[in-house]
PDB file of N, CA and C in Angstrom:
ATOM      1  N   MET A   1      17.845 -30.625  33.203  1.00  0.00           N
ATOM      2  CA  MET A   1      17.804 -29.238  33.385  1.00  0.00           C
ATOM      3  C   MET A   1      18.359 -28.814  34.527  1.00  0.00           C
ATOM      4  N   ALA A   2      19.306 -28.314  35.153  1.00  0.00           N
ATOM      5  CA  ALA A   2      19.244 -27.745  36.322  1.00  0.00           C
ATOM      6  C   ALA A   2      18.829 -26.361  36.286  1.00  0.00           C
ATOM      7  N   ALA A   3      18.335 -25.931  37.760  1.00  0.00           N
ATOM      8  CA  ALA A   3      17.874 -25.025  37.833  1.00  0.00           C
ATOM      9  C   ALA A   3      18.785 -24.002  38.840  1.00  0.00           C
ATOM     10  N   ILE A   4      19.305 -22.679  39.245  1.00  0.00           N
ATOM     11  CA  ILE A   4      19.635 -22.618  40.378  1.00  0.00           C
ATOM     12  C   ILE A   4      18.990 -21.704  40.378  1.00  0.00           C
ATOM     13  N   ASP A   5      19.340 -21.229  42.087  1.00  0.00           N
ATOM     14  CA  ASP A   5      18.434 -20.553  42.740  1.00  0.00           C
ATOM     15  C   ASP A   5      19.272 -19.391  43.265  1.00  0.00           C
ATOM     16  N   SER A   6      19.396 -17.985  43.045  1.00  0.00           N
ATOM     17  CA  SER A   6      20.602 -17.049  43.293  1.00  0.00           C
ATOM     18  C   SER A   6      19.080 -16.183  44.524  1.00  0.00           C
ATOM     19  N   PRO A   7      19.809 -15.951  45.159  1.00  0.00           N
ATOM     20  CA  PRO A   7      19.075 -15.069  46.528  1.00  0.00           C
ATOM     21  C   PRO A   7      19.043 -13.568  45.874  1.00  0.00           C
ATOM     22  N   ARG A   8      18.200 -13.028  46.184  1.00  0.00           N
ATOM     23  CA  ARG A   8      17.972 -11.809  45.906  1.00  0.00           C
ATOM     24  C   ARG A   8      18.004 -10.766  46.904  1.00  0.00           C
ATOM     25  N   VAL A   9      17.935  -9.469  46.903  1.00  0.00           N
ATOM     26  CA  VAL A   9      18.453  -8.273  47.734  1.00  0.00           C
ATOM     27  C   VAL A   9      16.890  -7.953  47.699  1.00  0.00           C
ATOM     28  N   GLN A  10      16.466  -7.905  49.354  1.00  0.00           N
ATOM     29  CA  GLN A  10      15.450  -7.575  49.937  1.00  0.00           C
ATOM     30  C   GLN A  10      15.600  -6.122  49.885  1.00  0.00           C
ATOM     31  N   LEU A  11      14.947  -5.100  49.712  1.00  0.00           N
ATOM     32  CA  LEU A  11      14.835  -3.719  49.834  1.00  0.00           C
ATOM     33  C   LEU A  11      13.300  -3.473  50.876  1.00  0.00           C
ATOM     34  N   SER A  12      13.561  -2.300  51.422  1.00  0.00           N
ATOM     35  CA  SER A  12      12.206  -1.690  51.827  1.00  0.00           C
ATOM     36  C   SER A  12      11.339  -1.026  50.769  1.00  0.00           C
ATOM     37  N   ALA A  13       9.929  -1.424  50.875  1.00  0.00           N
ATOM     38  CA  ALA A  13       9.063  -0.922  50.201  1.00  0.00           C
ATOM     39  C   ALA A  13       8.975   0.339  49.115  1.00  0.00           C
ATOM     40  N   GLY A  14       9.724   1.301  49.978  1.00  0.00           N
ATOM     41  CA  GLY A  14       9.945   2.765  49.761  1.00  0.00           C
ATOM     42  C   GLY A  14      11.060   2.704  48.764  1.00  0.00           C
ATOM     43  N   SER A  15      12.240   2.648  49.345  1.00  0.00           N
ATOM     44  CA  SER A  15      13.395   2.573  48.162  1.00  0.00           C
ATOM     45  C   SER A  15      12.817   1.731  46.958  1.00  0.00           C
ATOM     46  N   ASN A  16      12.711   0.461  46.942  1.00  0.00           N
ATOM     47  CA  ASN A  16      12.258  -0.568  45.942  1.00  0.00           C
ATOM     48  C   ASN A  16      11.679   0.105  45.081  1.00  0.00           C
ATOM     49  N   GLY A  17      10.618   1.009  45.323  1.00  0.00           N
ATOM     50  CA  GLY A  17       9.585   1.549  44.578  1.00  0.00           C
ATOM     51  C   GLY A  17      10.283   2.905  43.466  1.00  0.00           C
ATOM     52  N   ARG A  18      11.073   3.712  44.015  1.00  0.00           N
ATOM     53  CA  ARG A  18      12.205   4.533  43.322  1.00  0.00           C
ATOM     54  C   ARG A  18      13.262   3.718  43.077  1.00  0.00           C
ATOM     55  N   ILE A  19      13.678   2.820  43.597  1.00  0.00           N
ATOM     56  CA  ILE A  19      14.814   2.349  42.745  1.00  0.00           C
ATOM     57  C   ILE A  19      13.727   1.829  41.219  1.00  0.00           C
ATOM     58  N   GLY A  20      13.248   1.198  40.967  1.00  0.00           N
ATOM     59  CA  GLY A  20      12.697   1.208  40.280  1.00  0.00           C
ATOM     60  C   GLY A  20      11.901   1.445  38.585  1.00  0.00           C
ATOM     61  N   GLN A  21      11.553   2.951  39.472  1.00  0.00           N
ATOM     62  CA  GLN A  21      10.840   4.191  39.046  1.00  0.00           C
ATOM     63  C   GLN A  21      12.407   4.654  37.917  1.00  0.00           C
ATOM     64  N   PHE A  22      13.612   5.072  38.786  1.00  0.00           N
ATOM     65  CA  PHE A  22      14.709   5.270  38.574  1.00  0.00           C
ATOM     66  C   PHE A  22      15.288   4.510  37.012  1.00  0.00           C
ATOM     67  N   PHE A  23      15.088   2.724  37.287  1.00  0.00           N
ATOM     68  CA  PHE A  23      15.412   2.174  36.219  1.00  0.00           C
ATOM     69  C   PHE A  23      14.403   2.102  34.990  1.00  0.00           C
ATOM     70  N   ALA A  24      13.719   2.149  35.292  1.00  0.00           N
ATOM     71  CA  ALA A  24      12.917   2.254  34.348  1.00  0.00           C
ATOM     72  C   ALA A  24      13.101   3.574  33.312  1.00  0.00           C
ATOM     73  N   SER A  25      12.654   4.672  33.967  1.00  0.00           N
ATOM     74  CA  SER A  25      13.241   5.994  33.393  1.00  0.00           C
ATOM     75  C   SER A  25      14.563   5.711  32.965  1.00  0.00           C
ATOM     76  N   LEU A  26      15.693   5.334  33.092  1.00  0.00           N
ATOM     77  CA  LEU A  26      16.688   5.344  32.538  1.00  0.00           C
ATOM     78  C   LEU A  26      16.836   4.242  31.409  1.00  0.00           C
ATOM     79  N   VAL A  27      16.126   2.982  31.428  1.00  0.00           N
ATOM     80  CA  VAL A  27      15.874   2.588  30.079  1.00  0.00           C
ATOM     81  C   VAL A  27      14.931   2.785  29.625  1.00  0.00           C
ATOM     82  N   ALA A  28      13.850   3.808  29.886  1.00  0.00           N
ATOM     83  CA  ALA A  28      12.880   4.362  28.844  1.00  0.00           C
ATOM     84  C   ALA A  28      13.838   5.444  27.782  1.00  0.00           C
ATOM     85  N   THR A  29      14.830   6.437  28.456  1.00  0.00           N
ATOM     86  CA  THR A  29      15.764   7.293  28.130  1.00  0.00           C
ATOM     87  C   THR A  29      16.323   7.200  26.910  1.00  0.00           C
ATOM     88  N   VAL A  30      17.162   5.476  27.467  1.00  0.00           N
ATOM     89  CA  VAL A  30      17.978   4.684  26.192  1.00  0.00           C
ATOM     90  C   VAL A  30      17.312   4.095  25.151  1.00  0.00           C
ATOM     91  N   VAL A  31      16.014   3.582  25.134  1.00  0.00           N
ATOM     92  CA  VAL A  31      15.380   3.319  24.383  1.00  0.00           C
ATOM     93  C   VAL A  31      15.028   4.707  23.259  1.00  0.00           C
ATOM     94  N   ALA A  32      14.736   5.621  24.094  1.00  0.00           N
ATOM     95  CA  ALA A  32      14.231   6.614  23.490  1.00  0.00           C
ATOM     96  C   ALA A  32      15.391   7.309  22.562  1.00  0.00           C
ATOM     97  N   TRP A  33      16.447   7.571  23.112  1.00  0.00           N
ATOM     98  CA  TRP A  33      17.901   7.496  22.440  1.00  0.00           C
ATOM     99  C   TRP A  33      18.265   6.825  21.475  1.00  0.00           C
ATOM    100  N   ASN A  34      17.828   5.752  21.585  1.00  0.00           N
ATOM    101  CA  ASN A  34      18.476   4.874  20.336  1.00  0.00           C
ATOM    102  C   ASN A  34      17.780   4.921  19.166  1.00  0.00           C
ATOM    103  N   ASP A  35      16.151   4.951  19.402  1.00  0.00           N
ATOM    104  CA  ASP A  35      14.839   5.103  18.325  1.00  0.00           C
ATOM    105  C   ASP A  35      15.239   6.536  17.463  1.00  0.00           C
ATOM    106  N   THR A  36      15.729   7.746  18.269  1.00  0.00           N
ATOM    107  CA  THR A  36      16.358   8.863  17.634  1.00  0.00           C
ATOM    108  C   THR A  36      17.741   8.560  16.745  1.00  0.00           C
ATOM    109  N   ARG A  37      18.496   7.822  17.324  1.00  0.00           N
ATOM    110  CA  ARG A  37      19.496   7.502  16.523  1.00  0.00           C
ATOM    111  C   ARG A  37      19.309   6.863  15.124  1.00  0.00           C
ATOM    112  N   MET A  38      18.177   5.468  15.760  1.00  0.00           N
ATOM    113  CA  MET A  38      18.142   4.523  14.355  1.00  0.00           C
ATOM    114  C   MET A  38      17.535   5.695  13.086  1.00  0.00           C
ATOM    115  N   THR A  39      16.422   6.588  13.640  1.00  0.00           N
ATOM    116  CA  THR A  39      15.669   7.003  12.644  1.00  0.00           C
ATOM    117  C   THR A  39      17.091   7.991  11.897  1.00  0.00           C
ATOM    118  N   ARG A  40      17.901   8.620  12.760  1.00  0.00           N
ATOM    119  CA  ARG A  40      18.655   9.307  11.933  1.00  0.00           C
ATOM    120  C   ARG A  40      19.496   9.095  11.355  1.00  0.00           C
ATOM    121  N   ASN A  41      19.991   7.991  11.654  1.00  0.00           N
ATOM    122  CA  ASN A  41      21.305   6.651  10.318  1.00  0.00           C
ATOM    123  C   ASN A  41      19.990   6.463   9.394  1.00  0.00           C
ATOM    124  N   ALA A  42      18.734   5.548   9.291  1.00  0.00           N
ATOM    125  CA  ALA A  42      17.885   6.034   8.534  1.00  0.00           C
ATOM    126  C   ALA A  42      17.613   6.776   7.269  1.00  0.00           C
ATOM    127  N   LEU A  43      17.484   7.835   7.564  1.00  0.00           N
ATOM    128  CA  LEU A  43      16.851   9.238   7.003  1.00  0.00           C
ATOM    129  C   LEU A  43      18.612   9.630   6.006  1.00  0.00           C
ATOM    130  N   SER A  44      19.718   9.459   6.842  1.00  0.00           N
ATOM    131  CA  SER A  44      20.749  10.159   6.645  1.00  0.00           C
ATOM    132  C   SER A  44      21.309   9.427   5.287  1.00  0.00           C
ATOM    133  N   GLN A  45      21.132   7.925   5.000  1.00  0.00           N
ATOM    134  CA  GLN A  45      21.589   7.219   4.193  1.00  0.00           C
ATOM    135  C   GLN A  45      20.738   7.042   2.758  1.00  0.00           C
ATOM    136  N   LEU A  46      19.311   8.111   2.638  1.00  0.00           N
ATOM    137  CA  LEU A  46      19.113   8.264   1.585  1.00  0.00           C
ATOM    138  C   LEU A  46      19.187   9.161   0.454  1.00  0.00           C
ATOM    139  N   SER A  47      19.309   8.913  -0.347  1.00  0.00           N
ATOM    140  CA  SER A  47      19.670  10.164  -1.234  1.00  0.00           C
ATOM    141  C   SER A  47      18.447  11.660  -1.388  1.00  0.00           C
ATOM    142  N   ASP A  48      19.253  12.655  -1.908  1.00  0.00           N
ATOM    143  CA  ASP A  48      18.399  13.800  -1.851  1.00  0.00           C
ATOM    144  C   ASP A  48      17.157  13.725  -2.635  1.00  0.00           C
ATOM    145  N   ARG A  49      17.137  12.809  -3.422  1.00  0.00           N
ATOM    146  CA  ARG A  49      15.728  12.656  -4.280  1.00  0.00           C
ATOM    147  C   ARG A  49      14.738  11.532  -3.470  1.00  0.00           C
ATOM    148  N   GLU A  50      14.808  10.710  -2.730  1.00  0.00           N
ATOM    149  CA  GLU A  50      14.531   9.773  -2.145  1.00  0.00           C
ATOM    150  C   GLU A  50      13.986  10.247  -1.068  1.00  0.00           C
ATOM    151  N   LEU A  51      14.500  11.388   0.057  1.00  0.00           N
ATOM    152  CA  LEU A  51      14.220  12.344   0.863  1.00  0.00           C
ATOM    153  C   LEU A  51      13.299  13.241  -0.243  1.00  0.00           C
ATOM    154  N   GLU A  52      13.157  14.088  -0.905  1.00  0.00           N
ATOM    155  CA  GLU A  52      12.385  14.941  -1.973  1.00  0.00           C
ATOM    156  C   GLU A  52      11.082  14.021  -1.885  1.00  0.00           C
ATOM    157  N   ASP A  53      11.265  12.909  -1.929  1.00  0.00           N
ATOM    158  CA  ASP A  53       9.993  12.000  -2.443  1.00  0.00           C
ATOM    159  C   ASP A  53       8.850  12.007  -1.048  1.00  0.00           C
ATOM    160  N   ILE A  54       9.277  11.736   0.046  1.00  0.00           N
ATOM    161  CA  ILE A  54       9.237  12.009   0.976  1.00  0.00           C
ATOM    162  C   ILE A  54       8.732  13.066   1.899  1.00  0.00           C
ATOM    163  N   GLY A  55       8.772  14.244   1.503  1.00  0.00           N
ATOM    164  CA  GLY A  55       8.749  15.845   1.907  1.00  0.00           C
ATOM    165  C   GLY A  55       9.493  16.248   2.533  1.00  0.00           C
ATOM    166  N   LEU A  56      10.905  15.664   2.237  1.00  0.00           N
ATOM    167  CA  LEU A  56      12.013  16.180   3.549  1.00  0.00           C
ATOM    168  C   LEU A  56      13.193  16.744   2.817  1.00  0.00           C
ATOM    169  N   CYS A  57      14.002  17.484   3.305  1.00  0.00           N
ATOM    170  CA  CYS A  57      15.050  17.720   2.749  1.00  0.00           C
ATOM    171  C   CYS A  57      16.790  17.696   3.994  1.00  0.00           C
ATOM    172  N   ARG A  58      17.654  17.301   3.378  1.00  0.00           N
ATOM    173  CA  ARG A  58      18.628  16.784   4.076  1.00  0.00           C
ATOM    174  C   ARG A  58      18.601  17.499   5.738  1.00  0.00           C
ATOM    175  N   GLY A  59      18.467  19.090   5.653  1.00  0.00           N
ATOM    176  CA  GLY A  59      18.350  19.377   6.959  1.00  0.00           C
ATOM    177  C   GLY A  59      17.172  19.465   7.837  1.00  0.00           C
ATOM    178  N   ASP A  60      16.488  18.377   7.545  1.00  0.00           N
ATOM    179  CA  ASP A  60      14.804  18.317   8.195  1.00  0.00           C
ATOM    180  C   ASP A  60      15.206  17.164   9.105  1.00  0.00           C
ATOM    181  N   ILE A  61      16.370  16.003   8.792  1.00  0.00           N
ATOM    182  CA  ILE A  61      16.907  15.064   9.593  1.00  0.00           C
ATOM    183  C   ILE A  61      16.663  15.428  10.964  1.00  0.00           C
ATOM    184  N   ASP A  62      17.272  16.226  11.309  1.00  0.00           N
ATOM    185  CA  ASP A  62      17.228  16.337  12.678  1.00  0.00           C
ATOM    186  C   ASP A  62      16.164  16.734  13.327  1.00  0.00           C
ATOM    187  N   TYR A  63      14.986  17.326  12.960  1.00  0.00           N
ATOM    188  CA  TYR A  63      13.876  18.014  13.482  1.00  0.00           C
ATOM    189  C   TYR A  63      13.156  16.379  13.436  1.00  0.00           C
ATOM    190  N   VAL A  64      13.087  15.821  12.236  1.00  0.00           N
ATOM    191  CA  VAL A  64      12.116  14.508  12.134  1.00  0.00           C
ATOM    192  C   VAL A  64      12.414  13.567  13.525  1.00  0.00           C
ATOM    193  N   ALA A  65      14.220  12.935  12.862  1.00  0.00           N
ATOM    194  CA  ALA A  65      14.184  12.644  13.738  1.00  0.00           C
ATOM    195  C   ALA A  65      14.037  12.239  15.598  1.00  0.00           C
ATOM    196  N   ALA A  66      14.407  13.793  15.639  1.00  0.00           N
ATOM    197  CA  ALA A  66      13.718  13.734  17.376  1.00  0.00           C
ATOM    198  C   ALA A  66      12.365  14.144  17.871  1.00  0.00           C
ATOM    199  N   LYS A  67      11.864  14.591  16.709  1.00  0.00           N
ATOM    200  CA  LYS A  67      10.001  14.135  16.981  1.00  0.00           C
ATOM    201  C   LYS A  67       9.216  12.812  16.521  1.00  0.00           C
ATOM    202  N   ARG A  68      10.201  12.082  16.307  1.00  0.00           N
ATOM    203  CA  ARG A  68       9.795  10.853  15.948  1.00  0.00           C
ATOM    204  C   ARG A  68       8.116  10.854  15.594  1.00  0.00           C
TER     205      ARG A  68
END
């Protein structure tokens, strides 16, 4: 098995923290958006009867998906 040693870009400590926070925030935003999308899609596939069984109506889907 071969190992590849790739050079890493060195940044100053101040900018490295801010860049890391930016990407962590970006990833968290994308994950939250995807969770909301998946919840909305899953609830949208349920029948009106199934939604009623869990105490929802079709108009509640966006609200529930946003609040998760």
